[in-house]
Protein backbone atom coordinates (compact mmCIF):
# COMPACT_ATOMS: atom_id res chain seq x y z
CA MET A 1 7.22 -14.13 -0.25
CA LYS A 2 10.48 -12.02 -0.37
CA THR A 3 10.35 -8.43 0.42
CA THR A 4 11.55 -5.66 -1.48
CA GLU A 5 14.83 -5.81 -0.08
CA GLU A 6 15.53 -9.39 -0.38
CA ILE A 7 14.90 -9.56 -3.83
CA ARG A 8 18.19 -9.45 -5.72
CA MET A 9 17.96 -7.72 -9.06
CA ALA A 10 20.19 -7.71 -12.40
CA VAL A 11 19.88 -4.54 -14.01
CA LEU A 12 21.20 -4.52 -17.76
CA ILE A 13 20.92 -1.58 -19.76
CA ASP A 14 21.42 -1.02 -23.41
CA ALA A 15 23.22 2.17 -23.76
CA ASP A 16 22.21 2.66 -27.39
CA ASN A 17 18.60 2.80 -26.77
CA VAL A 18 18.23 4.71 -23.65
CA PRO A 19 19.12 8.19 -22.50
CA PHE A 20 21.51 8.85 -19.71
CA ALA A 21 19.78 11.68 -18.19
CA ASN A 22 17.15 9.39 -16.41
CA ILE A 23 19.81 6.97 -14.59
CA LYS A 24 18.95 8.53 -11.21
CA ALA A 25 15.24 8.22 -11.33
CA MET A 26 15.71 5.01 -13.14
CA LEU A 27 17.51 3.16 -10.27
CA GLU A 28 15.16 4.98 -7.52
CA GLU A 29 12.28 3.35 -9.36
CA LEU A 30 14.10 -0.16 -9.55
CA ALA A 31 14.34 -0.04 -5.69
CA LYS A 32 10.72 -0.35 -5.49
CA TYR A 33 10.92 -3.66 -6.94
CA GLY A 34 14.14 -5.34 -5.75
CA THR A 35 17.84 -4.54 -4.77
CA PRO A 36 20.18 -4.51 -7.70
CA THR A 37 23.19 -6.78 -7.13
CA PHE A 38 24.33 -6.62 -10.95
CA LYS A 39 24.33 -3.26 -12.78
CA ARG A 40 25.82 -3.54 -16.20
CA ILE A 41 25.73 -1.30 -19.27
CA TYR A 42 26.64 -2.37 -22.72
CA GLY A 43 27.74 -0.33 -25.91
CA ASP A 44 30.78 0.51 -27.98
CA TRP A 45 32.38 3.00 -25.66
CA THR A 46 34.79 4.20 -28.51
CA LYS A 47 31.86 5.97 -29.99
CA PRO A 48 31.27 9.85 -29.11
CA ASN A 49 27.26 9.28 -28.85
CA LEU A 50 27.99 7.25 -25.42
CA ALA A 51 30.00 10.02 -23.81
CA GLY A 52 26.93 11.28 -21.82
CA TRP A 53 26.98 7.97 -20.09
CA LYS A 54 30.77 7.72 -19.19
CA LYS A 55 29.95 10.29 -16.90
CA VAL A 56 27.65 8.82 -14.71
CA LEU A 57 28.83 5.14 -14.59
CA LEU A 58 31.18 5.69 -11.74
CA GLU A 59 28.95 7.95 -9.67
CA TYR A 60 26.00 4.80 -9.84
CA ALA A 61 28.51 1.95 -9.64
CA ILE A 62 27.45 0.84 -13.07
CA THR A 63 29.77 -1.58 -14.90
CA PRO A 64 30.50 -0.82 -18.54
CA ILE A 65 30.91 -3.81 -20.66
CA GLN A 66 32.51 -2.97 -24.00
CA GLN A 67 31.20 -4.53 -27.05
CA TYR A 68 32.65 -3.52 -30.79
CA GLY A 69 30.60 -3.61 -33.71
CA TYR A 70 32.03 -6.41 -35.63
CA THR A 71 29.67 -5.81 -38.83
CA THR A 72 27.93 -3.07 -40.08
CA GLY A 73 24.43 -2.83 -39.51
CA LYS A 74 24.35 -5.22 -36.72
CA ASN A 75 23.69 -4.82 -33.21
CA CYS A 76 26.24 -6.81 -31.40
CA THR A 77 25.42 -4.78 -27.79
CA ASP A 78 21.97 -6.80 -27.98
CA SER A 79 23.82 -10.20 -28.12
CA ALA A 80 26.07 -9.53 -25.53
CA MET A 81 23.38 -8.33 -23.12
CA ILE A 82 21.35 -11.70 -24.16
CA ILE A 83 24.31 -13.75 -23.17
CA ASP A 84 25.23 -12.17 -20.12
CA ALA A 85 21.74 -12.28 -19.04
CA MET A 86 21.50 -16.08 -19.41
CA ASP A 87 24.86 -16.59 -17.55
CA ILE A 88 23.21 -14.58 -14.53
CA LEU A 89 20.01 -16.47 -15.07
CA TYR A 90 22.26 -19.88 -14.50
CA SER A 91 24.28 -18.54 -11.85
CA ALA A 92 20.86 -18.44 -9.65
CA LYS A 93 21.96 -15.47 -8.09
CA VAL A 94 19.04 -13.03 -8.66
CA ASP A 95 15.24 -13.16 -8.43
CA ALA A 96 14.52 -10.56 -11.04
CA PHE A 97 15.74 -8.76 -13.98
CA ALA A 98 15.56 -5.20 -15.12
CA ILE A 99 15.99 -4.52 -18.90
CA VAL A 100 16.78 -0.95 -19.92
CA SER A 101 16.24 -0.58 -23.47
CA SER A 102 13.78 0.62 -26.11
CA ASP A 103 14.61 -2.23 -28.46
CA SER A 104 12.08 -5.23 -29.50
CA ASP A 105 14.92 -7.37 -29.76
CA PHE A 106 14.73 -8.29 -26.22
CA THR A 107 11.44 -9.41 -26.47
CA ARG A 108 12.40 -13.29 -26.67
CA LEU A 109 14.86 -12.81 -23.74
CA SER A 110 12.14 -11.36 -21.66
CA ILE A 111 9.87 -14.27 -22.16
CA ARG A 112 12.82 -16.68 -21.74
CA LEU A 113 13.48 -15.10 -18.21
CA ARG A 114 9.88 -15.17 -17.23
CA GLU A 115 9.70 -19.05 -18.17
CA ALA A 116 12.55 -19.42 -16.09
CA GLY A 117 10.53 -17.93 -12.99
CA MET A 118 12.11 -14.76 -13.12
CA MET A 119 10.22 -11.27 -12.45
CA VAL A 120 11.25 -9.04 -15.76
CA ILE A 121 10.97 -5.12 -15.19
CA GLY A 122 11.07 -3.43 -18.52
CA LEU A 123 11.98 0.33 -18.71
CA GLY A 124 12.19 2.25 -22.14
CA GLU A 125 10.84 5.23 -24.17
CA ARG A 126 7.10 5.64 -25.59
CA LYS A 127 8.77 4.70 -28.96
CA THR A 128 9.29 0.60 -27.46
CA PRO A 129 7.50 -1.53 -29.57
CA ASN A 130 4.57 -3.20 -28.09
CA PRO A 131 5.90 -6.86 -28.18
CA PHE A 132 8.68 -6.02 -25.79
CA ILE A 133 6.08 -4.14 -23.56
CA VAL A 134 3.74 -6.98 -23.05
CA SER A 135 6.66 -9.55 -22.79
CA CYS A 136 7.42 -8.17 -19.24
CA ASP A 137 5.79 -8.48 -15.83
CA LYS A 138 5.93 -4.84 -15.77
CA PHE A 139 6.99 -2.05 -18.09
CA ILE A 140 7.74 1.76 -17.24
CA TYR A 141 8.27 4.60 -19.55
CA LEU A 142 11.10 6.65 -19.00
CA GLU A 143 9.47 9.73 -19.28
CA ILE A 144 7.04 9.43 -16.46
CA LEU A 145 10.29 9.48 -14.42
CA SER A 146 10.79 13.29 -15.27
CA PRO A 147 9.41 15.74 -12.43
CA THR A 148 6.43 16.34 -14.51
CA VAL A 149 3.98 14.23 -12.75
CA VAL A 150 1.52 16.17 -10.60
CA GLU A 151 -0.89 15.14 -7.88
CA ASP A 152 -3.56 17.37 -8.37
CA GLU A 153 -6.44 15.71 -10.68
CA SER A 154 -7.68 19.20 -11.82
CA LYS A 155 -4.33 20.22 -13.34
CA VAL A 156 -4.42 17.11 -15.13
CA LYS A 157 -7.74 17.81 -16.59
CA VAL A 158 -6.33 20.93 -17.91
CA GLU A 159 -2.87 19.42 -19.12
CA ASN A 160 -5.25 16.88 -21.00
CA GLU A 161 -7.02 19.79 -22.69
CA LYS A 162 -3.80 21.27 -23.69
CA ASN A 163 -2.52 18.00 -25.31
CA GLU A 164 -5.89 17.92 -27.65
CA LYS A 165 -4.81 21.23 -28.99
CA LYS A 166 -1.34 20.76 -29.70
CA PRO A 167 1.02 17.69 -30.54
CA ALA A 168 2.39 16.14 -27.06
CA THR A 169 6.02 15.85 -27.04
CA PRO A 170 7.70 12.80 -25.84
CA ALA A 171 9.18 14.34 -23.00
CA ASN A 172 6.07 14.90 -20.90
CA ALA A 173 3.18 13.65 -23.14
CA LEU A 174 0.52 12.64 -20.88
CA GLN A 175 -2.16 9.91 -21.91
CA LYS A 176 -5.90 10.84 -21.94
CA ILE A 177 -8.31 9.06 -19.75
CA ASN A 178 -10.69 7.60 -22.36
CA ALA A 179 -13.42 5.21 -22.30
CA GLU A 180 -11.26 2.31 -22.96
CA THR A 181 -8.86 3.18 -20.15
CA ILE A 182 -12.22 3.58 -17.89
CA ALA A 183 -13.55 0.19 -18.97
CA LEU A 184 -10.05 -1.42 -18.13
CA ILE A 185 -10.26 -0.09 -14.67
CA ALA A 186 -14.07 -1.22 -14.41
CA ASN A 187 -13.36 -4.64 -15.46
CA SER A 188 -10.67 -4.96 -13.20
CA ILE A 189 -12.49 -3.81 -10.33
CA ALA A 190 -15.38 -6.53 -11.07
CA ASP A 191 -12.75 -9.05 -11.30
CA VAL A 192 -11.85 -8.51 -7.52
CA ALA A 193 -14.73 -7.21 -6.12
CA ASP A 194 -16.82 -8.75 -3.21
CA ASP A 195 -20.78 -8.95 -3.43
CA SER A 196 -21.39 -5.13 -2.49
CA GLY A 197 -19.05 -4.46 -5.61
CA TRP A 198 -16.30 -3.05 -3.59
CA ALA A 199 -12.82 -3.94 -4.05
CA PHE A 200 -9.28 -3.14 -2.51
CA LEU A 201 -7.26 -1.04 -4.62
CA GLY A 202 -4.21 -2.70 -4.06
CA GLU A 203 -5.76 -5.63 -5.69
CA VAL A 204 -7.23 -3.50 -8.49
CA GLY A 205 -3.73 -2.27 -9.32
CA ASP A 206 -2.23 -5.68 -9.42
CA ARG A 207 -4.93 -6.87 -11.99
CA LEU A 208 -4.57 -3.71 -13.95
CA ILE A 209 -0.81 -4.43 -14.39
CA LYS A 210 -1.45 -8.10 -15.06
CA LYS A 211 -3.98 -6.92 -17.99
CA GLN A 212 -1.60 -4.25 -19.37
CA THR A 213 2.00 -4.44 -18.29
CA ASP A 214 2.63 -0.61 -19.16
CA PHE A 215 -0.40 0.54 -17.04
CA ASP A 216 0.87 3.12 -14.78
CA PRO A 217 -1.09 6.18 -13.20
CA ARG A 218 1.76 8.52 -14.06
CA ASN A 219 1.01 8.04 -17.52
CA TYR A 220 -1.87 10.01 -16.93
CA GLY A 221 -0.27 12.74 -14.75
CA PHE A 222 -1.33 10.99 -11.61
CA ARG A 223 1.24 9.98 -8.75
CA LYS A 224 -1.07 7.50 -7.30
CA LEU A 225 -3.93 5.01 -8.37
CA MET A 226 -6.15 6.34 -5.88
CA LEU A 227 -5.74 10.05 -7.44
CA MET A 228 -6.41 8.91 -10.76
CA VAL A 229 -9.64 6.72 -9.87
CA LYS A 230 -11.17 9.48 -7.73
CA SER A 231 -10.75 11.95 -11.11
CA ILE A 232 -13.12 9.52 -12.95
CA ASP A 233 -16.88 10.24 -12.10
CA ALA A 234 -17.88 6.51 -12.84
CA PHE A 235 -15.96 5.34 -9.56
CA GLU A 236 -16.30 6.20 -5.93
CA VAL A 237 -13.47 5.62 -3.24
CA ALA A 238 -13.82 4.85 0.43
CA VAL A 239 -10.61 5.29 2.63
CA ARG A 240 -11.28 3.48 6.01
CA GLY A 241 -8.71 3.35 9.15
CA GLN A 242 -6.02 5.79 10.11
CA LYS A 243 -3.45 7.39 8.76
CA GLY A 244 -0.77 5.12 7.78
CA THR A 245 -2.84 2.44 7.96
CA GLU A 246 -5.59 3.07 5.87
CA ILE A 247 -7.44 0.30 3.50
CA VAL A 248 -8.56 1.89 0.13
CA SER A 249 -11.59 0.34 -1.38
CA VAL A 250 -12.93 1.28 -4.86
CA ARG A 251 -16.13 0.65 -6.98
CA GLU A 252 -18.50 1.41 -9.40
CA LYS A 253 -21.27 4.24 -8.77
CA ASP A 254 -24.59 3.16 -8.32
CA GLY A 255 -26.46 3.18 -11.48
CA VAL A 256 -23.29 3.41 -13.69
CA SER A 257 -21.79 0.46 -15.55
CA VAL A 258 -18.80 0.90 -17.89
CA ALA A 259 -17.44 -2.72 -17.37
CA SER A 260 -17.72 -5.00 -20.49
């Protein structure tokens, strides 16, 4: 298996459907999954609404691809991205793709790339339609890349209570840990647990993403899965080993059964 540094990634950005303000956080996030060897952004650069993107392209070495809108009402940017993605795929120079867009038009492209053995990471806003989200191996909401994620579970509980009293804004909305979320975690623990009910947290995290591609503890205000699980009364966490080489395990508490 290749390491993160060995995984070559093509990053394709739909300038019309994602904000430029997140670019630094986006690239830092993608560095967790591979090394970008292609960084291209698509749009009609004659339009004033893309002016913000122009300021950051040189700073982050992103190649702009000009795509004129030949017909009113048609998104030619999508077609250009899809054609380039297939060209890159057949070049056999990458191992993964990152599609940065909130547009469901890239659903079929994501499916096709995965059929070819590519890992596909999607990044988009919370408004992204579900078909595109589930077509990716992993989908990351751009909103959680802003510095609003906290590490203290007590603060998250307070924030969730506030969110119940007022409409959540797209910029910093936190999802509430509800019964469905707890059941998802419990079932994932059961899938990989040993005879005593304990499961390695890393394996649980992998299973969660396979079941729900947009699952991320940061959606709920937690920097790590361990902090999220510890905040839920139904689970107990055990940490073994020395600092830096800890092994984290999790299971349902005795007498508790939320898995279905």
